[in-house]
Amino acid sequence: MAELGKKYCVYCLAEVSSLRFRCTECADIELCPDCFSAGAEIGPHRRWHGYQLVDGGRFTLWGAEAEGGWSSREEQLLLDAIEQFGFGNWEDMAAHVGASRTPQEVMEHYVSMYIHGNLGKACIPDTIPNRVTDHTCPSGGPLSPSLTTPLPPLDISVAEQQQLGYMPLRDDYEIEYDQDAETLISGLSVNYDDDDVEIELKRAHVDMYVRKLKERQRRKNIARDYNLVPAFLGKDKKDKEKTPKRKITKEEKELRLKLRPLYQFMSCKEFEDFFENMHKERVLRAKIRELQRYRRNGITKMEELAEYEAARHKREKRKENKNIASSKRGKEDGKEGEFAAIENLPGFELLSDREKVLCSSLNLSPARYVTVKTIIIKDHLQKRQGIPSKSRLPSYLDKVLKKRILNFLTESGWISRDAS
């Protein structure tokens, strides 16, 4: 007979007093973790039924051999406490876990199991990215040299330094940007009898001077980053000859001029990478359009491209030869050669010789000319009969074409001169 107070798995009859899974749809169905994970089914119970985790209070996450015998309920309360109170508030965490745990026990258990244990080794990386670095010295000295050390001086000769007025030990120039910026603070002094307005005015002067210094340094950084000093001295031409780059087209040069305002927000390398990526994007888009054109023409394999391109080249060559022959034949035919561009278009046979000359000179198709002619004559007749009309000429007819066609119709007698 089973002992009183103990629970057993209905499938394998193992004791599940510490932890068991109870079915929420079947009565008196409780399984051990092994049977539940294997999907055991018994009687009306099925593996997809809802379940409820029942902890008897004696289940431990770290096993029976772990120190302190922390139950799963205490582990859950500990994790809730570390999220609520933060790392280091061990007294509040101990009160949240329960009176049976002291702050020292809470700290030791969390550090040993969740930081130095296997769980901490698996979750906490050795090198944490974007970690804040303490740049201050332990003795309370100045900031780290990595923040205060100036950039190395420019690598130029003594004659070039004198030409630029450059002082390498200070990394300054004899004439800086906004040379008179120091006059803002040169006459400032702190007096104990200054009122609030005077103090705020002096602070405003200091802020203005600091902004000018930042702008001065920004310009120096841009000159150093984009190699403006070697360019001024003519050294960059030699470097360009040593390291030839991809030839830049006229369109790319125009695009560089349009993107020049971005220089002040990006370093030289960032801008070059940005521009190269734009060039790669244009190349990829052109390649995609070419592949789409192949797909529309039924080409699905790269092996078929050579045959398709050869056939297309032959077709274009034949068409070109045909156009050359037709143009020669048109010249030989004399007057008929003048209408070679429109003689094969619909409506050509409806035109008179003068109208053919007009359409050929205006580069206007016969069908469009007939449409415009019909609209203009119809409007003219309605105006003569006193019928109000609103001319709705096609969108492709600009003012020059309209004027030429009106003059032609007037001279030919189709409409009167007052209507034109």
Protein backbone atom coordinates (compact mmCIF):
# COMPACT_ATOMS: atom_id res chain seq x y z
CA MET A 1 0.00 0.00 0.00
CA ALA A 2 1.33 3.37 -0.98
CA GLU A 3 2.51 5.54 1.86
CA LEU A 4 0.23 8.35 2.83
CA GLY A 5 1.17 11.84 1.59
CA LYS A 6 3.27 10.57 -1.30
CA LYS A 7 2.38 10.96 -4.95
CA TYR A 8 3.21 8.48 -7.70
CA CYS A 9 3.27 8.62 -11.49
CA VAL A 10 0.22 6.85 -12.94
CA TYR A 11 2.33 5.54 -15.83
CA CYS A 12 5.61 4.29 -14.35
CA LEU A 13 4.59 4.39 -10.65
CA ALA A 14 7.67 6.45 -9.71
CA GLU A 15 7.43 8.84 -6.77
CA VAL A 16 6.60 12.40 -7.90
CA SER A 17 6.06 14.07 -4.55
CA SER A 18 8.72 16.75 -5.30
CA LEU A 19 7.70 17.63 -8.88
CA ARG A 20 4.90 16.33 -11.12
CA PHE A 21 2.80 17.29 -14.12
CA ARG A 22 -0.97 17.25 -13.58
CA CYS A 23 -3.38 17.04 -16.53
CA THR A 24 -5.97 19.83 -16.50
CA GLU A 25 -8.47 17.84 -18.59
CA CYS A 26 -8.30 14.36 -17.03
CA ALA A 27 -8.95 13.59 -13.37
CA ASP A 28 -6.23 11.98 -11.23
CA ILE A 29 -3.62 11.98 -14.01
CA GLU A 30 -0.19 12.98 -12.68
CA LEU A 31 3.02 12.13 -14.53
CA CYS A 32 6.69 12.29 -13.66
CA PRO A 33 8.97 14.56 -15.76
CA ASP A 34 10.39 11.59 -17.73
CA CYS A 35 6.99 10.22 -18.74
CA PHE A 36 5.66 13.69 -19.52
CA SER A 37 8.63 14.54 -21.77
CA ALA A 38 8.24 11.16 -23.56
CA GLY A 39 4.54 11.91 -24.27
CA ALA A 40 3.07 9.05 -22.26
CA GLU A 41 -0.68 8.37 -22.78
CA ILE A 42 -2.87 6.29 -20.51
CA GLY A 43 -6.64 5.79 -20.57
CA PRO A 44 -8.39 8.91 -21.88
CA HIS A 45 -5.28 11.06 -21.36
CA ARG A 46 -3.51 12.35 -24.50
CA ARG A 47 -0.18 14.08 -24.85
CA TRP A 48 -1.66 17.33 -26.23
CA HIS A 49 -3.87 17.91 -23.16
CA GLY A 50 -3.22 20.95 -21.03
CA TYR A 51 -1.02 20.48 -18.01
CA GLN A 52 -0.10 22.12 -14.72
CA LEU A 53 3.30 22.00 -13.00
CA VAL A 54 2.94 20.98 -9.36
CA ASP A 55 5.94 21.57 -7.09
CA GLY A 56 5.84 19.81 -3.76
CA GLY A 57 8.37 22.24 -2.29
CA ARG A 58 11.27 19.77 -2.25
CA PHE A 59 12.37 20.04 -5.89
CA THR A 60 15.82 21.60 -6.42
CA LEU A 61 17.16 23.00 -9.66
CA TRP A 62 20.78 22.19 -8.89
CA GLY A 63 20.25 18.71 -7.47
CA ALA A 64 20.30 17.35 -3.97
CA GLU A 65 24.07 17.76 -3.66
CA ALA A 66 23.91 21.57 -4.05
CA GLU A 67 24.73 23.64 -1.00
CA GLY A 68 21.90 25.08 1.04
CA GLY A 69 19.14 22.93 -0.44
CA TRP A 70 17.44 25.76 -2.29
CA SER A 71 14.00 24.74 -3.58
CA SER A 72 12.61 25.74 -6.94
CA ARG A 73 10.22 28.18 -5.30
CA GLU A 74 13.11 29.95 -3.57
CA GLU A 75 15.04 30.05 -6.84
CA GLN A 76 12.09 31.73 -8.55
CA LEU A 77 11.76 34.27 -5.74
CA LEU A 78 15.51 34.95 -5.96
CA LEU A 79 15.32 35.69 -9.69
CA ASP A 80 12.30 37.93 -9.15
CA ALA A 81 14.20 39.79 -6.41
CA ILE A 82 17.35 40.34 -8.50
CA GLU A 83 15.20 41.80 -11.26
CA GLN A 84 13.22 44.00 -8.89
CA PHE A 85 15.90 45.25 -6.49
CA GLY A 86 19.07 44.95 -8.57
CA PHE A 87 22.41 43.31 -7.95
CA GLY A 88 23.87 44.17 -4.53
CA ASN A 89 20.66 44.80 -2.55
CA TRP A 90 21.02 41.52 -0.68
CA GLU A 91 18.95 42.54 2.35
CA ASP A 92 15.88 43.39 0.27
CA MET A 93 16.41 40.23 -1.78
CA ALA A 94 16.63 38.09 1.36
CA ALA A 95 13.39 39.59 2.69
CA HIS A 96 11.73 38.82 -0.64
CA VAL A 97 12.95 35.21 -0.71
CA GLY A 98 11.83 34.48 2.83
CA ALA A 99 12.85 34.68 6.46
CA SER A 100 14.73 31.39 6.24
CA ARG A 101 17.48 32.95 4.07
CA THR A 102 19.99 35.54 5.29
CA PRO A 103 21.51 38.23 3.04
CA GLN A 104 24.87 36.43 3.17
CA GLU A 105 23.29 33.16 2.00
CA VAL A 106 21.45 34.93 -0.83
CA MET A 107 24.65 36.62 -2.04
CA GLU A 108 26.76 33.43 -1.87
CA HIS A 109 24.13 31.32 -3.62
CA TYR A 110 23.56 33.81 -6.45
CA VAL A 111 27.28 34.42 -7.07
CA SER A 112 28.23 30.75 -6.95
CA MET A 113 25.34 29.40 -9.04
CA TYR A 114 24.39 32.19 -11.45
CA ILE A 115 27.72 33.98 -12.01
CA HIS A 116 30.62 31.59 -11.39
CA GLY A 117 28.59 28.44 -12.07
CA ASN A 118 27.91 26.72 -15.38
CA LEU A 119 24.91 28.98 -16.04
CA GLY A 120 27.02 32.12 -15.68
CA LYS A 121 29.81 30.73 -17.86
CA ALA A 122 27.30 29.96 -20.61
CA CYS A 123 25.44 33.29 -20.43
CA ILE A 124 28.03 35.93 -19.49
CA PRO A 125 30.61 36.52 -22.29
CA ASP A 126 34.28 36.97 -21.50
CA THR A 127 34.44 40.35 -23.23
CA ILE A 128 31.33 42.50 -22.91
CA PRO A 129 30.83 44.76 -25.99
CA ASN A 130 30.14 48.48 -25.54
CA ARG A 131 31.17 48.27 -21.94
CA VAL A 132 31.83 51.61 -20.24
CA THR A 133 35.55 52.05 -19.53
CA ASP A 134 36.79 53.91 -16.48
CA HIS A 135 39.37 56.39 -17.77
CA THR A 136 40.20 57.90 -14.38
CA CYS A 137 43.31 56.93 -12.46
CA PRO A 138 42.90 55.00 -9.16
CA SER A 139 44.71 57.78 -7.30
CA GLY A 140 42.26 60.40 -8.50
CA GLY A 141 44.70 61.92 -11.01
CA PRO A 142 43.94 63.35 -14.46
CA LEU A 143 42.08 61.53 -17.18
CA SER A 144 43.59 58.69 -19.12
CA PRO A 145 46.28 59.67 -21.67
CA SER A 146 44.16 58.07 -24.40
CA LEU A 147 41.71 60.96 -24.07
CA THR A 148 44.11 63.87 -23.61
CA THR A 149 47.04 62.93 -25.85
CA PRO A 150 46.95 65.12 -29.00
CA LEU A 151 47.18 63.72 -32.47
CA PRO A 152 50.66 63.22 -33.92
CA PRO A 153 52.04 66.28 -35.78
CA LEU A 154 51.90 66.52 -39.54
CA ASP A 155 54.70 64.79 -41.42
CA ILE A 156 56.04 67.79 -43.34
CA SER A 157 59.45 69.34 -43.76
CA VAL A 158 60.75 72.41 -41.93
CA ALA A 159 60.39 74.58 -45.05
CA GLU A 160 56.79 73.47 -45.43
CA GLN A 161 56.16 74.19 -41.75
CA GLN A 162 57.41 77.72 -42.24
CA GLN A 163 55.29 78.09 -45.37
CA LEU A 164 52.15 77.09 -43.49
CA GLY A 165 53.07 78.73 -40.19
CA TYR A 166 52.69 75.34 -38.54
CA MET A 167 54.03 74.62 -35.04
CA PRO A 168 54.44 70.81 -34.77
CA LEU A 169 55.03 70.62 -31.01
CA ARG A 170 51.71 72.37 -30.32
CA ASP A 171 49.91 71.12 -33.45
CA ASP A 172 48.77 74.69 -34.03
CA TYR A 173 49.13 77.35 -36.69
CA GLU A 174 50.32 80.91 -36.32
CA ILE A 175 47.03 82.10 -37.80
CA GLU A 176 44.13 79.95 -36.65
CA TYR A 177 40.51 79.95 -37.69
CA ASP A 178 38.78 82.95 -36.08
CA GLN A 179 42.07 84.37 -34.83
CA ASP A 180 40.37 86.93 -32.58
CA ALA A 181 38.29 84.37 -30.66
CA GLU A 182 40.40 84.81 -27.49
CA THR A 183 39.27 88.42 -27.16
CA LEU A 184 35.96 87.10 -25.80
CA ILE A 185 37.60 85.95 -22.56
CA SER A 186 40.87 87.89 -22.42
CA GLY A 187 39.33 90.64 -20.31
CA LEU A 188 37.14 88.46 -18.09
CA SER A 189 37.77 88.28 -14.36
CA VAL A 190 35.81 86.86 -11.44
CA ASN A 191 34.78 89.47 -8.91
CA TYR A 192 32.97 88.76 -5.68
CA ASP A 193 30.68 91.77 -6.07
CA ASP A 194 29.31 90.64 -9.47
CA ASP A 195 25.56 90.24 -9.59
CA ASP A 196 23.73 87.37 -11.29
CA VAL A 197 23.37 89.17 -14.62
CA GLU A 198 27.10 89.86 -14.89
CA ILE A 199 27.95 86.26 -14.00
CA GLU A 200 25.59 84.92 -16.66
CA LEU A 201 27.09 87.30 -19.24
CA LYS A 202 30.60 86.05 -18.44
CA ARG A 203 29.39 82.44 -18.74
CA ALA A 204 27.88 83.26 -22.11
CA HIS A 205 31.25 84.64 -23.25
CA VAL A 206 32.96 81.45 -22.12
CA ASP A 207 30.39 79.30 -23.95
CA MET A 208 30.91 81.31 -27.13
CA TYR A 209 34.68 80.85 -26.84
CA VAL A 210 34.33 77.10 -26.28
CA ARG A 211 32.14 76.79 -29.40
CA LYS A 212 34.76 78.64 -31.43
CA LEU A 213 37.47 76.30 -30.14
CA LYS A 214 35.37 73.27 -31.10
CA GLU A 215 34.85 74.67 -34.60
CA ARG A 216 38.58 75.36 -34.88
CA GLN A 217 39.41 71.78 -33.90
CA ARG A 218 36.74 70.40 -36.23
CA ARG A 219 38.34 72.20 -39.17
CA LYS A 220 41.75 70.83 -38.21
CA ASN A 221 40.36 67.30 -38.06
CA ILE A 222 38.74 67.68 -41.49
CA ALA A 223 42.00 69.00 -42.98
CA ARG A 224 43.90 66.07 -41.46
CA ASP A 225 41.30 63.45 -42.35
CA TYR A 226 40.92 64.48 -46.00
CA ASN A 227 44.67 65.14 -46.50
CA LEU A 228 44.08 68.78 -47.36
CA VAL A 229 47.56 69.84 -46.25
CA PRO A 230 49.37 67.42 -48.63
CA ALA A 231 46.95 68.49 -51.36
CA PHE A 232 47.85 72.15 -50.73
CA LEU A 233 51.56 71.29 -50.89
CA GLY A 234 51.13 69.17 -54.03
CA LYS A 235 52.09 65.86 -52.42
CA ASP A 236 48.83 64.08 -53.10
CA LYS A 237 49.51 63.95 -56.86
CA LYS A 238 52.54 61.74 -56.32
CA ASP A 239 50.58 59.46 -54.02
CA LYS A 240 47.80 59.14 -56.60
CA GLU A 241 50.31 58.16 -59.26
CA LYS A 242 51.69 55.42 -57.02
CA THR A 243 48.31 53.91 -56.18
CA PRO A 244 46.05 54.00 -59.27
CA LYS A 245 42.34 53.66 -58.52
CA ARG A 246 39.24 52.94 -60.52
CA LYS A 247 38.58 55.52 -63.22
CA ILE A 248 35.77 57.85 -62.20
CA THR A 249 33.23 58.72 -64.87
CA LYS A 250 31.75 62.15 -65.53
CA GLU A 251 28.46 61.19 -63.85
CA GLU A 252 30.29 60.05 -60.72
CA LYS A 253 32.24 63.31 -60.56
CA GLU A 254 28.97 65.27 -60.74
CA LEU A 255 27.53 63.07 -58.00
CA ARG A 256 30.58 63.72 -55.82
CA LEU A 257 30.03 67.46 -56.21
CA LYS A 258 26.39 67.07 -55.15
CA LEU A 259 27.40 65.02 -52.09
CA ARG A 260 30.16 67.42 -51.03
CA PRO A 261 28.12 68.84 -48.09
CA LEU A 262 28.38 65.39 -46.47
CA TYR A 263 32.15 65.83 -46.02
CA GLN A 264 31.65 67.65 -42.72
CA PHE A 265 29.62 64.79 -41.26
CA MET A 266 31.71 61.83 -42.47
CA SER A 267 35.37 60.98 -42.38
CA CYS A 268 37.34 60.51 -45.59
CA LYS A 269 37.29 56.71 -45.36
CA GLU A 270 33.58 56.65 -44.50
CA PHE A 271 32.77 58.85 -47.49
CA GLU A 272 34.89 56.76 -49.86
CA ASP A 273 33.23 53.58 -48.60
CA PHE A 274 29.82 55.24 -48.98
CA PHE A 275 30.60 56.29 -52.55
CA GLU A 276 32.00 52.87 -53.47
CA ASN A 277 28.87 51.22 -52.07
CA MET A 278 26.73 53.51 -54.23
CA HIS A 279 28.81 52.50 -57.26
CA LYS A 280 28.35 48.82 -56.37
CA GLU A 281 24.60 49.42 -56.02
CA ARG A 282 24.42 50.94 -59.53
CA VAL A 283 26.39 48.01 -60.96
CA LEU A 284 24.14 45.50 -59.21
CA ARG A 285 20.99 47.27 -60.39
CA ALA A 286 22.28 47.24 -63.97
CA LYS A 287 23.10 43.54 -63.64
CA ILE A 288 19.63 42.83 -62.23
CA ARG A 289 17.99 44.67 -65.15
CA GLU A 290 20.11 42.68 -67.58
CA LEU A 291 19.15 39.38 -65.94
CA GLN A 292 15.48 40.39 -65.94
CA ARG A 293 15.75 41.15 -69.66
CA TYR A 294 17.23 37.68 -70.22
CA ARG A 295 14.40 36.14 -68.21
CA ARG A 296 11.76 37.99 -70.25
CA ASN A 297 13.33 36.58 -73.40
CA GLY A 298 13.21 33.04 -72.04
CA ILE A 299 16.88 32.72 -71.01
CA THR A 300 17.12 30.75 -67.76
CA LYS A 301 20.71 29.43 -67.84
CA MET A 302 24.01 31.24 -68.05
CA GLU A 303 25.17 28.85 -70.80
CA GLU A 304 22.48 30.23 -73.13
CA LEU A 305 23.64 33.85 -72.85
CA ALA A 306 26.43 33.64 -75.44
CA GLU A 307 24.11 32.20 -78.10
CA TYR A 308 21.41 34.76 -77.32
CA GLU A 309 23.81 37.72 -77.45
CA ALA A 310 25.30 36.50 -80.77
CA ALA A 311 21.82 36.21 -82.30
CA ARG A 312 20.82 39.64 -80.97
CA HIS A 313 24.00 41.18 -82.39
CA LYS A 314 23.23 39.68 -85.80
CA ARG A 315 19.67 41.05 -85.71
CA GLU A 316 20.86 44.53 -84.83
CA LYS A 317 23.50 44.35 -87.57
CA ARG A 318 20.88 43.37 -90.16
CA LYS A 319 18.56 46.14 -89.01
CA GLU A 320 21.36 48.67 -89.23
CA ASN A 321 22.27 47.54 -92.73
CA LYS A 322 18.61 47.69 -93.72
CA ASN A 323 18.29 51.27 -92.46
CA ILE A 324 21.44 52.29 -94.34
CA ALA A 325 20.14 50.70 -97.53
CA SER A 326 16.73 52.35 -97.18
CA SER A 327 18.32 55.76 -96.61
CA LYS A 328 20.46 55.33 -99.72
CA ARG A 329 17.43 54.24 -101.71
CA GLY A 330 15.50 57.26 -100.44
CA LYS A 331 18.22 59.62 -101.59
CA GLU A 332 18.19 57.98 -105.00
CA ASP A 333 14.43 58.29 -105.24
CA GLY A 334 14.68 62.08 -104.90
CA LYS A 335 11.55 63.65 -103.51
CA GLU A 336 10.12 60.42 -102.09
CA GLY A 337 13.24 60.10 -99.96
CA GLU A 338 12.22 63.19 -98.01
CA PHE A 339 9.25 61.31 -96.56
CA ALA A 340 11.14 58.11 -95.66
CA ALA A 341 10.53 58.71 -91.95
CA ILE A 342 6.73 58.94 -92.25
CA GLU A 343 5.81 57.13 -95.45
CA ASN A 344 5.24 53.82 -93.63
CA LEU A 345 3.09 55.37 -90.89
CA PRO A 346 -0.72 55.12 -90.92
CA GLY A 347 -2.53 58.07 -92.53
CA PHE A 348 0.30 58.95 -94.92
CA GLU A 349 -1.84 58.35 -98.00
CA LEU A 350 -4.41 60.91 -96.75
CA LEU A 351 -1.94 63.82 -96.92
CA SER A 352 -1.24 66.13 -99.79
CA ASP A 353 2.30 66.83 -100.95
CA ARG A 354 2.47 70.07 -98.96
CA GLU A 355 1.10 68.33 -95.84
CA LYS A 356 3.70 65.60 -96.24
CA VAL A 357 6.42 68.24 -96.30
CA LEU A 358 4.90 69.89 -93.21
CA CYS A 359 4.71 66.64 -91.22
CA SER A 360 8.23 65.69 -92.24
CA SER A 361 9.64 69.06 -91.19
CA LEU A 362 7.75 69.02 -87.87
CA ASN A 363 8.61 65.34 -87.24
CA LEU A 364 4.88 64.78 -86.68
CA SER A 365 3.12 61.54 -87.53
CA PRO A 366 0.33 61.77 -90.19
CA ALA A 367 -2.32 60.40 -87.80
CA ARG A 368 -1.56 63.08 -85.20
CA TYR A 369 -1.57 65.80 -87.84
CA VAL A 370 -4.97 64.69 -89.14
CA THR A 371 -6.34 64.70 -85.56
CA VAL A 372 -5.09 68.24 -84.88
CA LYS A 373 -6.32 69.45 -88.27
CA THR A 374 -9.82 68.04 -87.64
CA ILE A 375 -10.06 69.68 -84.17
CA ILE A 376 -8.92 73.10 -85.45
CA ILE A 377 -11.32 73.11 -88.47
CA LYS A 378 -14.22 71.92 -86.31
CA ASP A 379 -13.62 74.71 -83.77
CA HIS A 380 -13.41 77.24 -86.62
CA LEU A 381 -16.74 76.16 -88.10
CA GLN A 382 -18.48 76.28 -84.70
CA LYS A 383 -17.22 79.80 -84.07
CA ARG A 384 -18.50 80.95 -87.48
CA GLN A 385 -21.93 79.52 -86.64
CA GLY A 386 -21.94 81.27 -83.25
CA ILE A 387 -21.67 78.06 -81.28
CA PRO A 388 -19.36 78.44 -78.25
CA SER A 389 -16.64 75.80 -78.26
CA LYS A 390 -13.69 74.99 -76.03
CA SER A 391 -10.69 73.72 -77.93
CA ARG A 392 -9.22 70.54 -76.47
CA LEU A 393 -5.99 70.04 -78.34
CA PRO A 394 -3.86 66.97 -77.59
CA SER A 395 -1.17 67.20 -74.90
CA TYR A 396 1.65 66.47 -77.35
CA LEU A 397 0.88 69.68 -79.29
CA ASP A 398 3.02 72.54 -77.96
CA LYS A 399 2.77 76.24 -78.91
CA VAL A 400 5.32 76.04 -81.74
CA LEU A 401 3.58 73.13 -83.48
CA LYS A 402 0.18 74.77 -83.06
CA LYS A 403 1.38 78.02 -84.59
CA ARG A 404 2.99 76.28 -87.56
CA ILE A 405 -0.14 74.20 -88.25
CA LEU A 406 -2.46 77.26 -87.94
CA ASN A 407 -0.32 79.24 -90.37
CA PHE A 408 -0.31 76.33 -92.82
CA LEU A 409 -4.10 75.89 -92.65
CA THR A 410 -4.61 79.63 -93.07
CA GLU A 411 -2.33 79.83 -96.08
CA SER A 412 -4.01 76.77 -97.59
CA GLY A 413 -7.48 78.34 -97.17
CA TRP A 414 -8.88 75.81 -94.72
CA ILE A 415 -9.60 78.49 -92.11
CA SER A 416 -9.86 82.27 -92.34
CA ARG A 417 -7.08 84.54 -91.14
CA ASP A 418 -9.14 86.11 -88.32
CA ALA A 419 -9.63 82.68 -86.75
CA SER A 420 -5.92 82.02 -86.68
